[in-house]
Amino acid sequence: MQPIELLQKELTKWNYSLKKSKISFEKNNITKEVHEEHKRNLIPLIDTYQKAIQKLLE
């Protein structure tokens, strides 16, 4: 497996986690505070993976 494939796989996982957090919040399974915490943790991580993938594509 190539490095870019590994990064894309991880990016997909983090995007799924963020989406799942939003769905859980909308269904009242988690609080807004927990969802905001997830966003604070996941968004910078997602951005980092996206930048790394872009760098490899250059």
PDB file of N, CA and C in Angstrom:
ATOM      1  N   MET A   1       0.843  -1.175   0.000  1.00  0.00           N
ATOM      2  CA  MET A   1       0.000   0.000   0.000  1.00  0.00           C
ATOM      3  C   MET A   1       0.894   1.246   0.000  1.00  0.00           C
ATOM      4  N   GLN A   2       0.532   2.201  -0.815  1.00  0.00           N
ATOM      5  CA  GLN A   2       1.298   3.439  -0.943  1.00  0.00           C
ATOM      6  C   GLN A   2       0.984   4.396   0.215  1.00  0.00           C
ATOM      7  N   PRO A   3       1.922   5.295   0.537  1.00  0.00           N
ATOM      8  CA  PRO A   3       1.676   6.260   1.620  1.00  0.00           C
ATOM      9  C   PRO A   3       0.393   7.073   1.422  1.00  0.00           C
ATOM     10  N   ILE A   4       0.136   7.489   0.196  1.00  0.00           N
ATOM     11  CA  ILE A   4      -1.067   8.294  -0.052  1.00  0.00           C
ATOM     12  C   ILE A   4      -2.334   7.485   0.220  1.00  0.00           C
ATOM     13  N   GLU A   5      -2.289   6.202  -0.070  1.00  0.00           N
ATOM     14  CA  GLU A   5      -3.447   5.342   0.194  1.00  0.00           C
ATOM     15  C   GLU A   5      -3.695   5.206   1.697  1.00  0.00           C
ATOM     16  N   LEU A   6      -2.620   5.098   2.447  1.00  0.00           N
ATOM     17  CA  LEU A   6      -2.750   5.020   3.906  1.00  0.00           C
ATOM     18  C   LEU A   6      -3.326   6.316   4.471  1.00  0.00           C
ATOM     19  N   LEU A   7      -2.844   7.440   3.960  1.00  0.00           N
ATOM     20  CA  LEU A   7      -3.363   8.733   4.411  1.00  0.00           C
ATOM     21  C   LEU A   7      -4.836   8.887   4.058  1.00  0.00           C
ATOM     22  N   GLN A   8      -5.211   8.483   2.859  1.00  0.00           N
ATOM     23  CA  GLN A   8      -6.607   8.584   2.436  1.00  0.00           C
ATOM     24  C   GLN A   8      -7.508   7.689   3.285  1.00  0.00           C
ATOM     25  N   LYS A   9      -7.007   6.517   3.623  1.00  0.00           N
ATOM     26  CA  LYS A   9      -7.776   5.604   4.471  1.00  0.00           C
ATOM     27  C   LYS A   9      -8.012   6.224   5.851  1.00  0.00           C
ATOM     28  N   GLU A  10      -6.977   6.805   6.417  1.00  0.00           N
ATOM     29  CA  GLU A  10      -7.114   7.459   7.720  1.00  0.00           C
ATOM     30  C   GLU A  10      -8.029   8.680   7.624  1.00  0.00           C
ATOM     31  N   LEU A  11      -7.893   9.451   6.554  1.00  0.00           N
ATOM     32  CA  LEU A  11      -8.746  10.623   6.363  1.00  0.00           C
ATOM     33  C   LEU A  11     -10.212  10.213   6.300  1.00  0.00           C
ATOM     34  N   THR A  12     -10.487   9.145   5.593  1.00  0.00           N
ATOM     35  CA  THR A  12     -11.859   8.634   5.510  1.00  0.00           C
ATOM     36  C   THR A  12     -12.375   8.274   6.896  1.00  0.00           C
ATOM     37  N   LYS A  13     -11.531   7.666   7.696  1.00  0.00           N
ATOM     38  CA  LYS A  13     -11.910   7.282   9.061  1.00  0.00           C
ATOM     39  C   LYS A  13     -12.231   8.513   9.914  1.00  0.00           C
ATOM     40  N   TRP A  14     -11.397   9.548   9.837  1.00  0.00           N
ATOM     41  CA  TRP A  14     -11.625  10.751  10.641  1.00  0.00           C
ATOM     42  C   TRP A  14     -12.863  11.502  10.167  1.00  0.00           C
ATOM     43  N   ASN A  15     -13.083  11.562   8.849  1.00  0.00           N
ATOM     44  CA  ASN A  15     -14.294  12.204   8.324  1.00  0.00           C
ATOM     45  C   ASN A  15     -15.545  11.456   8.782  1.00  0.00           C
ATOM     46  N   TYR A  16     -15.476  10.140   8.778  1.00  0.00           N
ATOM     47  CA  TYR A  16     -16.597   9.324   9.247  1.00  0.00           C
ATOM     48  C   TYR A  16     -16.870   9.598  10.728  1.00  0.00           C
ATOM     49  N   SER A  17     -15.814   9.705  11.504  1.00  0.00           N
ATOM     50  CA  SER A  17     -15.968   9.977  12.940  1.00  0.00           C
ATOM     51  C   SER A  17     -16.652  11.317  13.179  1.00  0.00           C
ATOM     52  N   LEU A  18     -16.267  12.319  12.409  1.00  0.00           N
ATOM     53  CA  LEU A  18     -16.889  13.635  12.549  1.00  0.00           C
ATOM     54  C   LEU A  18     -18.361  13.585  12.152  1.00  0.00           C
ATOM     55  N   LYS A  19     -18.645  12.888  11.065  1.00  0.00           N
ATOM     56  CA  LYS A  19     -20.034  12.748  10.607  1.00  0.00           C
ATOM     57  C   LYS A  19     -20.866  12.005  11.655  1.00  0.00           C
ATOM     58  N   LYS A  20     -20.308  10.950  12.210  1.00  0.00           N
ATOM     59  CA  LYS A  20     -21.015  10.163  13.222  1.00  0.00           C
ATOM     60  C   LYS A  20     -21.276  10.991  14.482  1.00  0.00           C
ATOM     61  N   SER A  21     -20.332  11.823  14.842  1.00  0.00           N
ATOM     62  CA  SER A  21     -20.526  12.698  15.991  1.00  0.00           C
ATOM     63  C   SER A  21     -21.692  13.652  15.745  1.00  0.00           C
ATOM     64  N   LYS A  22     -21.753  14.216  14.556  1.00  0.00           N
ATOM     65  CA  LYS A  22     -22.849  15.138  14.224  1.00  0.00           C
ATOM     66  C   LYS A  22     -24.198  14.421  14.279  1.00  0.00           C
ATOM     67  N   ILE A  23     -24.248  13.234  13.714  1.00  0.00           N
ATOM     68  CA  ILE A  23     -25.492  12.455  13.723  1.00  0.00           C
ATOM     69  C   ILE A  23     -25.901  12.119  15.156  1.00  0.00           C
ATOM     70  N   SER A  24     -24.940  11.720  15.965  1.00  0.00           N
ATOM     71  CA  SER A  24     -25.230  11.392  17.369  1.00  0.00           C
ATOM     72  C   SER A  24     -25.749  12.614  18.119  1.00  0.00           C
ATOM     73  N   PHE A  25     -25.160  13.769  17.844  1.00  0.00           N
ATOM     74  CA  PHE A  25     -25.631  15.000  18.477  1.00  0.00           C
ATOM     75  C   PHE A  25     -27.056  15.318  18.039  1.00  0.00           C
ATOM     76  N   GLU A  26     -27.329  15.200  16.745  1.00  0.00           N
ATOM     77  CA  GLU A  26     -28.670  15.489  16.228  1.00  0.00           C
ATOM     78  C   GLU A  26     -29.726  14.539  16.791  1.00  0.00           C
ATOM     79  N   LYS A  27     -29.323  13.329  17.124  1.00  0.00           N
ATOM     80  CA  LYS A  27     -30.247  12.353  17.709  1.00  0.00           C
ATOM     81  C   LYS A  27     -30.269  12.432  19.235  1.00  0.00           C
ATOM     82  N   ASN A  28     -29.563  13.412  19.780  1.00  0.00           N
ATOM     83  CA  ASN A  28     -29.471  13.608  21.230  1.00  0.00           C
ATOM     84  C   ASN A  28     -28.811  12.437  21.952  1.00  0.00           C
ATOM     85  N   ASN A  29     -27.940  11.737  21.268  1.00  0.00           N
ATOM     86  CA  ASN A  29     -27.182  10.661  21.913  1.00  0.00           C
ATOM     87  C   ASN A  29     -25.953  11.193  22.636  1.00  0.00           C
ATOM     88  N   ILE A  30     -25.473  12.362  22.201  1.00  0.00           N
ATOM     89  CA  ILE A  30     -24.358  13.024  22.877  1.00  0.00           C
ATOM     90  C   ILE A  30     -24.729  14.494  23.049  1.00  0.00           C
ATOM     91  N   THR A  31     -24.084  15.138  23.994  1.00  0.00           N
ATOM     92  CA  THR A  31     -24.365  16.551  24.249  1.00  0.00           C
ATOM     93  C   THR A  31     -23.658  17.427  23.217  1.00  0.00           C
ATOM     94  N   LYS A  32     -24.090  18.672  23.174  1.00  0.00           N
ATOM     95  CA  LYS A  32     -23.442  19.641  22.287  1.00  0.00           C
ATOM     96  C   LYS A  32     -21.975  19.803  22.674  1.00  0.00           C
ATOM     97  N   GLU A  33     -21.700  19.808  23.959  1.00  0.00           N
ATOM     98  CA  GLU A  33     -20.329  19.967  24.437  1.00  0.00           C
ATOM     99  C   GLU A  33     -19.431  18.836  23.941  1.00  0.00           C
ATOM    100  N   VAL A  34     -19.939  17.625  23.993  1.00  0.00           N
ATOM    101  CA  VAL A  34     -19.158  16.472  23.519  1.00  0.00           C
ATOM    102  C   VAL A  34     -18.933  16.581  22.015  1.00  0.00           C
ATOM    103  N   HIS A  35     -19.972  16.953  21.285  1.00  0.00           N
ATOM    104  CA  HIS A  35     -19.836  17.117  19.836  1.00  0.00           C
ATOM    105  C   HIS A  35     -18.819  18.218  19.511  1.00  0.00           C
ATOM    106  N   GLU A  36     -18.874  19.320  20.238  1.00  0.00           N
ATOM    107  CA  GLU A  36     -17.915  20.410  20.015  1.00  0.00           C
ATOM    108  C   GLU A  36     -16.491  19.947  20.319  1.00  0.00           C
ATOM    109  N   GLU A  37     -16.341  19.137  21.331  1.00  0.00           N
ATOM    110  CA  GLU A  37     -15.020  18.572  21.661  1.00  0.00           C
ATOM    111  C   GLU A  37     -14.517  17.688  20.520  1.00  0.00           C
ATOM    112  N   HIS A  38     -15.401  16.868  19.988  1.00  0.00           N
ATOM    113  CA  HIS A  38     -15.034  16.033  18.844  1.00  0.00           C
ATOM    114  C   HIS A  38     -14.580  16.905  17.682  1.00  0.00           C
ATOM    115  N   LYS A  39     -15.333  17.968  17.401  1.00  0.00           N
ATOM    116  CA  LYS A  39     -14.976  18.873  16.308  1.00  0.00           C
ATOM    117  C   LYS A  39     -13.614  19.513  16.552  1.00  0.00           C
ATOM    118  N   ARG A  40     -13.378  19.965  17.781  1.00  0.00           N
ATOM    119  CA  ARG A  40     -12.085  20.592  18.112  1.00  0.00           C
ATOM    120  C   ARG A  40     -10.930  19.623  17.892  1.00  0.00           C
ATOM    121  N   ASN A  41     -11.163  18.365  18.156  1.00  0.00           N
ATOM    122  CA  ASN A  41     -10.109  17.363  17.981  1.00  0.00           C
ATOM    123  C   ASN A  41      -9.965  16.900  16.536  1.00  0.00           C
ATOM    124  N   LEU A  42     -11.081  16.715  15.857  1.00  0.00           N
ATOM    125  CA  LEU A  42     -11.048  16.090  14.531  1.00  0.00           C
ATOM    126  C   LEU A  42     -10.761  17.052  13.382  1.00  0.00           C
ATOM    127  N   ILE A  43     -11.273  18.263  13.440  1.00  0.00           N
ATOM    128  CA  ILE A  43     -11.092  19.184  12.315  1.00  0.00           C
ATOM    129  C   ILE A  43      -9.610  19.482  12.048  1.00  0.00           C
ATOM    130  N   PRO A  44      -8.794  19.793  13.061  1.00  0.00           N
ATOM    131  CA  PRO A  44      -7.370  20.006  12.771  1.00  0.00           C
ATOM    132  C   PRO A  44      -6.689  18.741  12.225  1.00  0.00           C
ATOM    133  N   LEU A  45      -7.099  17.603  12.726  1.00  0.00           N
ATOM    134  CA  LEU A  45      -6.548  16.335  12.250  1.00  0.00           C
ATOM    135  C   LEU A  45      -6.906  16.108  10.782  1.00  0.00           C
ATOM    136  N   ILE A  46      -8.157  16.345  10.436  1.00  0.00           N
ATOM    137  CA  ILE A  46      -8.621  16.204   9.053  1.00  0.00           C
ATOM    138  C   ILE A  46      -7.859  17.162   8.149  1.00  0.00           C
ATOM    139  N   ASP A  47      -7.698  18.404   8.592  1.00  0.00           N
ATOM    140  CA  ASP A  47      -6.955  19.392   7.800  1.00  0.00           C
ATOM    141  C   ASP A  47      -5.519  18.941   7.557  1.00  0.00           C
ATOM    142  N   THR A  48      -4.889  18.401   8.582  1.00  0.00           N
ATOM    143  CA  THR A  48      -3.508  17.929   8.455  1.00  0.00           C
ATOM    144  C   THR A  48      -3.402  16.800   7.432  1.00  0.00           C
ATOM    145  N   TYR A  49      -4.315  15.859   7.487  1.00  0.00           N
ATOM    146  CA  TYR A  49      -4.302  14.757   6.525  1.00  0.00           C
ATOM    147  C   TYR A  49      -4.563  15.261   5.108  1.00  0.00           C
ATOM    148  N   GLN A  50      -5.487  16.204   4.956  1.00  0.00           N
ATOM    149  CA  GLN A  50      -5.771  16.752   3.629  1.00  0.00           C
ATOM    150  C   GLN A  50      -4.547  17.460   3.059  1.00  0.00           C
ATOM    151  N   LYS A  51      -3.848  18.212   3.895  1.00  0.00           N
ATOM    152  CA  LYS A  51      -2.637  18.910   3.445  1.00  0.00           C
ATOM    153  C   LYS A  51      -1.544  17.917   3.068  1.00  0.00           C
ATOM    154  N   ALA A  52      -1.401  16.864   3.844  1.00  0.00           N
ATOM    155  CA  ALA A  52      -0.385  15.850   3.540  1.00  0.00           C
ATOM    156  C   ALA A  52      -0.684  15.166   2.208  1.00  0.00           C
ATOM    157  N   ILE A  53      -1.937  14.859   1.969  1.00  0.00           N
ATOM    158  CA  ILE A  53      -2.329  14.230   0.704  1.00  0.00           C
ATOM    159  C   ILE A  53      -2.059  15.183  -0.451  1.00  0.00           C
ATOM    160  N   GLN A  54      -2.423  16.454  -0.282  1.00  0.00           N
ATOM    161  CA  GLN A  54      -2.168  17.448  -1.335  1.00  0.00           C
ATOM    162  C   GLN A  54      -0.681  17.538  -1.640  1.00  0.00           C
ATOM    163  N   LYS A  55       0.136  17.526  -0.597  1.00  0.00           N
ATOM    164  CA  LYS A  55       1.591  17.614  -0.763  1.00  0.00           C
ATOM    165  C   LYS A  55       2.109  16.432  -1.581  1.00  0.00           C
ATOM    166  N   LEU A  56       1.591  15.257  -1.316  1.00  0.00           N
ATOM    167  CA  LEU A  56       2.026  14.071  -2.056  1.00  0.00           C
ATOM    168  C   LEU A  56       1.555  14.095  -3.507  1.00  0.00           C
ATOM    169  N   LEU A  57       0.454  14.783  -3.766  1.00  0.00           N
ATOM    170  CA  LEU A  57      -0.071  14.851  -5.131  1.00  0.00           C
ATOM    171  C   LEU A  57       0.658  15.886  -5.986  1.00  0.00           C
ATOM    172  N   GLU A  58       1.414  16.774  -5.348  1.00  0.00           N
ATOM    173  CA  GLU A  58       2.141  17.813  -6.097  1.00  0.00           C
ATOM    174  C   GLU A  58       3.314  17.235  -6.853  1.00  0.00           C
TER     175      GLU A  58
END
